[in-house]
N, C-alpha and C. Protein backbone atom coordinates (compact mmCIF):
# COMPACT_ATOMS: atom_id res chain seq x y z
N MET A 1 -43.83 86.70 39.54
CA MET A 1 -44.50 86.42 38.19
C MET A 1 -43.54 85.65 37.36
N PRO A 2 -43.96 84.86 36.63
CA PRO A 2 -43.13 83.93 35.72
C PRO A 2 -42.59 84.69 34.33
N THR A 3 -41.37 84.57 34.11
CA THR A 3 -40.93 85.16 33.12
C THR A 3 -40.74 84.21 31.86
N SER A 4 -41.09 83.13 31.95
CA SER A 4 -40.87 82.08 30.77
C SER A 4 -42.04 81.86 30.05
N PRO A 5 -42.08 81.73 28.92
CA PRO A 5 -43.31 81.60 28.20
C PRO A 5 -44.12 80.24 28.57
N ILE A 6 -44.74 80.24 29.59
CA ILE A 6 -45.47 78.86 30.08
C ILE A 6 -46.32 77.94 29.22
N LEU A 7 -47.29 79.03 28.60
CA LEU A 7 -48.12 78.41 27.56
C LEU A 7 -47.56 77.55 26.54
N PRO A 8 -46.67 78.16 25.84
CA PRO A 8 -45.94 77.37 24.70
C PRO A 8 -45.21 76.24 25.19
N GLN A 9 -44.49 76.25 26.50
CA GLN A 9 -43.87 75.09 27.10
C GLN A 9 -45.03 74.00 27.44
N LEU A 10 -45.89 74.46 27.84
CA LEU A 10 -47.20 73.42 28.15
C LEU A 10 -47.56 72.87 27.09
N GLU A 11 -48.01 73.56 26.15
CA GLU A 11 -48.43 73.30 24.89
C GLU A 11 -47.58 72.21 24.16
N SER A 12 -46.08 72.25 24.30
CA SER A 12 -45.27 71.45 23.66
C SER A 12 -45.13 70.17 24.48
N ILE A 13 -45.33 70.05 25.74
CA ILE A 13 -45.46 68.91 26.49
C ILE A 13 -46.66 68.12 26.18
N ILE A 14 -47.84 68.77 25.99
CA ILE A 14 -48.97 68.22 25.70
C ILE A 14 -49.02 67.63 24.46
N GLN A 15 -48.16 68.23 23.36
CA GLN A 15 -47.85 67.60 21.93
C GLN A 15 -47.36 66.45 22.15
N ALA A 16 -46.28 66.57 23.05
CA ALA A 16 -45.38 65.28 23.09
C ALA A 16 -46.08 64.14 23.72
N ARG A 17 -46.99 64.30 24.70
CA ARG A 17 -47.93 63.40 25.36
C ARG A 17 -48.70 62.76 24.23
N LYS A 18 -49.27 63.48 23.35
CA LYS A 18 -50.17 63.02 22.26
C LYS A 18 -49.50 62.20 21.31
N LYS A 19 -48.14 62.29 21.10
CA LYS A 19 -47.62 61.61 20.17
C LYS A 19 -47.14 60.41 20.69
N ASP A 20 -46.44 60.49 21.76
CA ASP A 20 -45.77 59.28 22.60
C ASP A 20 -46.88 58.46 23.40
N MET A 21 -47.91 59.10 23.91
CA MET A 21 -48.80 58.39 24.70
C MET A 21 -48.31 57.49 25.70
N PRO A 22 -47.41 58.01 26.63
CA PRO A 22 -46.99 57.36 27.52
C PRO A 22 -47.77 56.88 28.83
N GLU A 23 -47.63 55.55 29.15
CA GLU A 23 -48.41 55.12 30.35
C GLU A 23 -48.16 55.88 31.46
N GLY A 24 -49.35 56.02 32.19
CA GLY A 24 -49.19 56.75 33.42
C GLY A 24 -49.33 58.21 33.24
N SER A 25 -49.59 58.92 32.01
CA SER A 25 -49.54 60.13 31.82
C SER A 25 -51.11 60.57 31.95
N TYR A 26 -51.40 61.40 32.57
CA TYR A 26 -52.78 61.98 32.68
C TYR A 26 -53.21 62.69 31.28
N THR A 27 -52.51 63.37 30.62
CA THR A 27 -52.59 63.81 29.25
C THR A 27 -52.89 62.65 28.36
N ALA A 28 -52.07 61.79 28.22
CA ALA A 28 -52.28 60.59 27.38
C ALA A 28 -53.59 59.90 27.62
N PHE A 29 -53.98 59.81 28.80
CA PHE A 29 -55.23 59.40 29.41
C PHE A 29 -56.33 60.06 28.73
N LEU A 30 -56.15 61.30 28.79
CA LEU A 30 -57.32 62.11 28.25
C LEU A 30 -57.32 62.13 26.71
N PHE A 31 -56.16 61.90 26.05
CA PHE A 31 -56.18 61.59 24.47
C PHE A 31 -56.83 60.36 24.30
N ARG A 32 -56.60 59.25 25.03
CA ARG A 32 -57.00 58.01 24.90
C ARG A 32 -58.49 58.01 25.03
N SER A 33 -59.06 58.61 26.01
CA SER A 33 -60.44 58.82 26.43
C SER A 33 -61.26 59.44 25.45
N GLY A 34 -60.84 60.29 24.71
CA GLY A 34 -61.46 61.08 23.39
C GLY A 34 -61.83 62.36 23.98
N GLU A 35 -62.41 63.05 22.99
CA GLU A 35 -62.87 64.34 23.14
C GLU A 35 -64.10 64.56 24.26
N ASN A 36 -64.96 63.51 24.29
CA ASN A 36 -66.10 63.77 25.22
C ASN A 36 -65.53 63.83 26.66
N GLU A 37 -64.56 62.96 27.05
CA GLU A 37 -63.88 63.21 28.26
C GLU A 37 -63.16 64.48 28.60
N ILE A 38 -62.56 64.88 27.45
CA ILE A 38 -61.79 66.09 27.49
C ILE A 38 -62.84 67.27 27.84
N LEU A 39 -63.83 67.37 27.05
CA LEU A 39 -65.04 68.32 27.17
C LEU A 39 -65.63 68.33 28.60
N LYS A 40 -65.78 66.94 29.09
CA LYS A 40 -66.28 66.74 30.36
C LYS A 40 -65.41 67.71 31.44
N LYS A 41 -64.07 67.46 31.31
CA LYS A 41 -63.17 68.09 32.27
C LYS A 41 -63.27 69.37 32.17
N ILE A 42 -63.37 69.96 30.93
CA ILE A 42 -63.39 71.46 30.73
C ILE A 42 -64.64 71.82 31.54
N GLY A 43 -65.87 71.46 31.36
CA GLY A 43 -67.16 71.63 32.05
C GLY A 43 -66.70 71.80 33.45
N GLU A 44 -66.30 70.63 34.11
CA GLU A 44 -66.05 70.51 35.48
C GLU A 44 -65.19 71.52 35.86
N GLU A 45 -64.01 71.99 35.31
CA GLU A 45 -63.16 73.10 35.44
C GLU A 45 -63.80 74.38 35.55
N ALA A 46 -64.84 74.64 34.57
CA ALA A 46 -65.55 75.72 34.58
C ALA A 46 -66.38 76.24 35.70
N VAL A 47 -66.95 75.07 36.18
CA VAL A 47 -67.98 75.13 37.22
C VAL A 47 -66.99 75.32 38.70
N GLU A 48 -65.81 74.77 38.65
CA GLU A 48 -65.01 74.99 39.82
C GLU A 48 -64.49 76.25 39.74
N ILE A 49 -64.37 76.92 38.62
CA ILE A 49 -63.73 78.38 38.65
C ILE A 49 -64.99 79.31 39.26
N ILE A 50 -66.23 78.95 38.69
CA ILE A 50 -67.24 79.74 39.24
C ILE A 50 -67.51 79.48 41.04
N ILE A 51 -67.33 78.51 41.25
CA ILE A 51 -67.42 78.13 42.79
C ILE A 51 -66.23 78.80 43.52
N ALA A 52 -65.16 78.80 43.05
CA ALA A 52 -64.17 79.49 43.45
C ALA A 52 -64.11 80.88 43.64
N ALA A 53 -64.75 81.53 42.65
CA ALA A 53 -64.84 83.04 42.38
C ALA A 53 -65.96 83.41 43.47
N LYS A 54 -66.74 82.50 43.74
CA LYS A 54 -68.02 83.03 44.42
C LYS A 54 -67.70 82.83 46.06
N GLY A 55 -66.48 82.33 46.29
CA GLY A 55 -66.51 82.20 47.93
C GLY A 55 -65.21 81.36 48.45
N GLU A 56 -64.21 81.15 47.68
CA GLU A 56 -63.03 80.12 47.93
C GLU A 56 -61.91 80.80 47.65
N GLY A 57 -61.73 82.14 47.44
CA GLY A 57 -60.66 82.94 47.56
C GLY A 57 -59.82 83.04 46.20
N ASN A 58 -58.90 84.13 46.20
CA ASN A 58 -58.06 84.20 44.72
C ASN A 58 -57.30 82.90 44.60
N GLU A 59 -56.57 82.45 45.67
CA GLU A 59 -55.68 81.38 45.44
C GLU A 59 -56.34 80.06 44.64
N ARG A 60 -57.74 79.73 45.02
CA ARG A 60 -58.21 78.79 44.70
C ARG A 60 -58.76 79.05 43.13
N LEU A 61 -59.01 80.38 43.02
CA LEU A 61 -59.30 80.69 41.57
C LEU A 61 -58.15 80.63 40.52
N ILE A 62 -57.10 81.04 40.98
CA ILE A 62 -56.00 80.91 40.19
C ILE A 62 -55.73 79.45 39.84
N TYR A 63 -55.78 78.62 40.81
CA TYR A 63 -55.55 77.19 40.82
C TYR A 63 -56.49 76.49 39.88
N GLU A 64 -57.88 76.87 39.93
CA GLU A 64 -58.71 76.37 39.19
C GLU A 64 -58.52 76.94 37.51
N SER A 65 -58.11 78.31 37.52
CA SER A 65 -58.18 78.72 36.13
C SER A 65 -56.70 78.04 35.35
N ALA A 66 -55.77 77.66 36.26
CA ALA A 66 -54.80 76.85 35.51
C ALA A 66 -55.09 75.59 35.06
N ASP A 67 -56.16 75.11 35.78
CA ASP A 67 -56.67 73.68 35.53
C ASP A 67 -57.49 73.64 34.29
N LEU A 68 -58.17 74.90 34.06
CA LEU A 68 -59.22 75.03 32.92
C LEU A 68 -58.19 75.42 31.56
N ILE A 69 -57.15 76.20 31.63
CA ILE A 69 -56.35 76.34 30.65
C ILE A 69 -55.72 75.13 30.22
N TYR A 70 -55.26 74.44 31.04
CA TYR A 70 -54.52 73.11 30.61
C TYR A 70 -55.66 72.09 29.71
N HIS A 71 -56.73 71.96 30.44
CA HIS A 71 -57.68 71.20 29.63
C HIS A 71 -58.10 71.80 28.24
N LEU A 72 -58.11 73.11 28.27
CA LEU A 72 -58.33 73.69 27.00
C LEU A 72 -57.28 73.47 25.90
N LEU A 73 -56.11 73.45 26.47
CA LEU A 73 -54.85 73.21 25.65
C LEU A 73 -54.97 71.89 25.18
N VAL A 74 -55.32 70.79 25.99
CA VAL A 74 -55.75 69.27 25.49
C VAL A 74 -56.57 69.45 24.53
N LEU A 75 -57.67 70.08 24.65
CA LEU A 75 -58.61 69.97 23.63
C LEU A 75 -58.21 70.69 22.32
N LEU A 76 -57.63 71.61 22.36
CA LEU A 76 -57.00 72.18 21.19
C LEU A 76 -56.01 71.25 20.45
N ALA A 77 -55.10 70.81 21.20
CA ALA A 77 -54.21 69.60 20.63
C ALA A 77 -55.01 68.40 20.07
N ALA A 78 -56.14 67.92 20.54
CA ALA A 78 -56.71 66.93 20.21
C ALA A 78 -57.67 67.14 18.91
N ARG A 79 -57.77 68.45 18.61
CA ARG A 79 -58.24 68.88 17.35
C ARG A 79 -57.36 69.38 16.41
N GLY A 80 -56.07 69.32 16.75
CA GLY A 80 -55.02 69.66 15.85
C GLY A 80 -54.80 71.14 15.80
N LEU A 81 -55.10 71.86 16.70
CA LEU A 81 -55.05 73.38 16.76
C LEU A 81 -53.93 73.77 17.93
N HIS A 82 -53.61 74.93 17.64
CA HIS A 82 -52.56 75.58 18.70
C HIS A 82 -53.00 76.79 19.42
N TRP A 83 -52.36 77.04 20.45
CA TRP A 83 -52.57 78.19 21.36
C TRP A 83 -52.21 79.43 20.61
N GLU A 84 -51.47 79.51 19.71
CA GLU A 84 -51.14 80.52 18.81
C GLU A 84 -52.40 80.83 17.99
N GLN A 85 -53.22 80.15 17.68
CA GLN A 85 -54.36 80.56 16.72
C GLN A 85 -55.32 81.27 17.76
N VAL A 86 -55.47 80.87 18.90
CA VAL A 86 -56.07 81.60 19.86
C VAL A 86 -55.79 83.07 20.16
N GLU A 87 -54.19 83.10 20.34
CA GLU A 87 -53.67 84.45 20.59
C GLU A 87 -53.91 85.21 19.09
N VAL A 88 -53.89 84.83 18.05
CA VAL A 88 -54.16 85.56 16.84
C VAL A 88 -55.60 86.09 16.74
N GLU A 89 -56.72 85.17 17.00
CA GLU A 89 -58.04 85.56 17.46
C GLU A 89 -58.00 86.72 18.47
N LEU A 90 -57.44 86.66 19.61
CA LEU A 90 -57.57 87.79 20.50
C LEU A 90 -56.90 89.00 20.05
N ALA A 91 -55.96 88.95 19.42
CA ALA A 91 -55.18 90.17 18.76
C ALA A 91 -56.04 90.78 17.61
N ARG A 92 -56.84 89.94 16.83
CA ARG A 92 -57.50 90.49 15.75
C ARG A 92 -58.59 91.18 16.51
N ARG A 93 -59.27 90.72 17.66
CA ARG A 93 -60.44 91.34 18.25
C ARG A 93 -60.00 92.94 18.87
N PHE A 94 -58.85 92.98 19.17
CA PHE A 94 -58.22 94.17 19.88
C PHE A 94 -57.39 95.01 19.13
N ALA A 95 -57.20 94.77 17.92
CA ALA A 95 -56.27 95.50 17.11
C ALA A 95 -56.95 96.94 16.69
């Protein structure tokens, strides 16, 4: 199990890609393509999670879950939101 806070690290990288928009960056491509493209990718990843859960095994489910979380972080960044806000909402629900 990873011991480093990977989601904040990933969010930081995504924010840097949004700011710098480097050529060849998939994240920058998503930002350039706009919210509809990001939403399309989230939908695709959600479907892939369902397919993986129904018959492709746990490794594939984990792989697709990582893809979904990444694309969700990109959407949050595109909207000027942060993962911490999601954590606050989760904490509020279970306090």
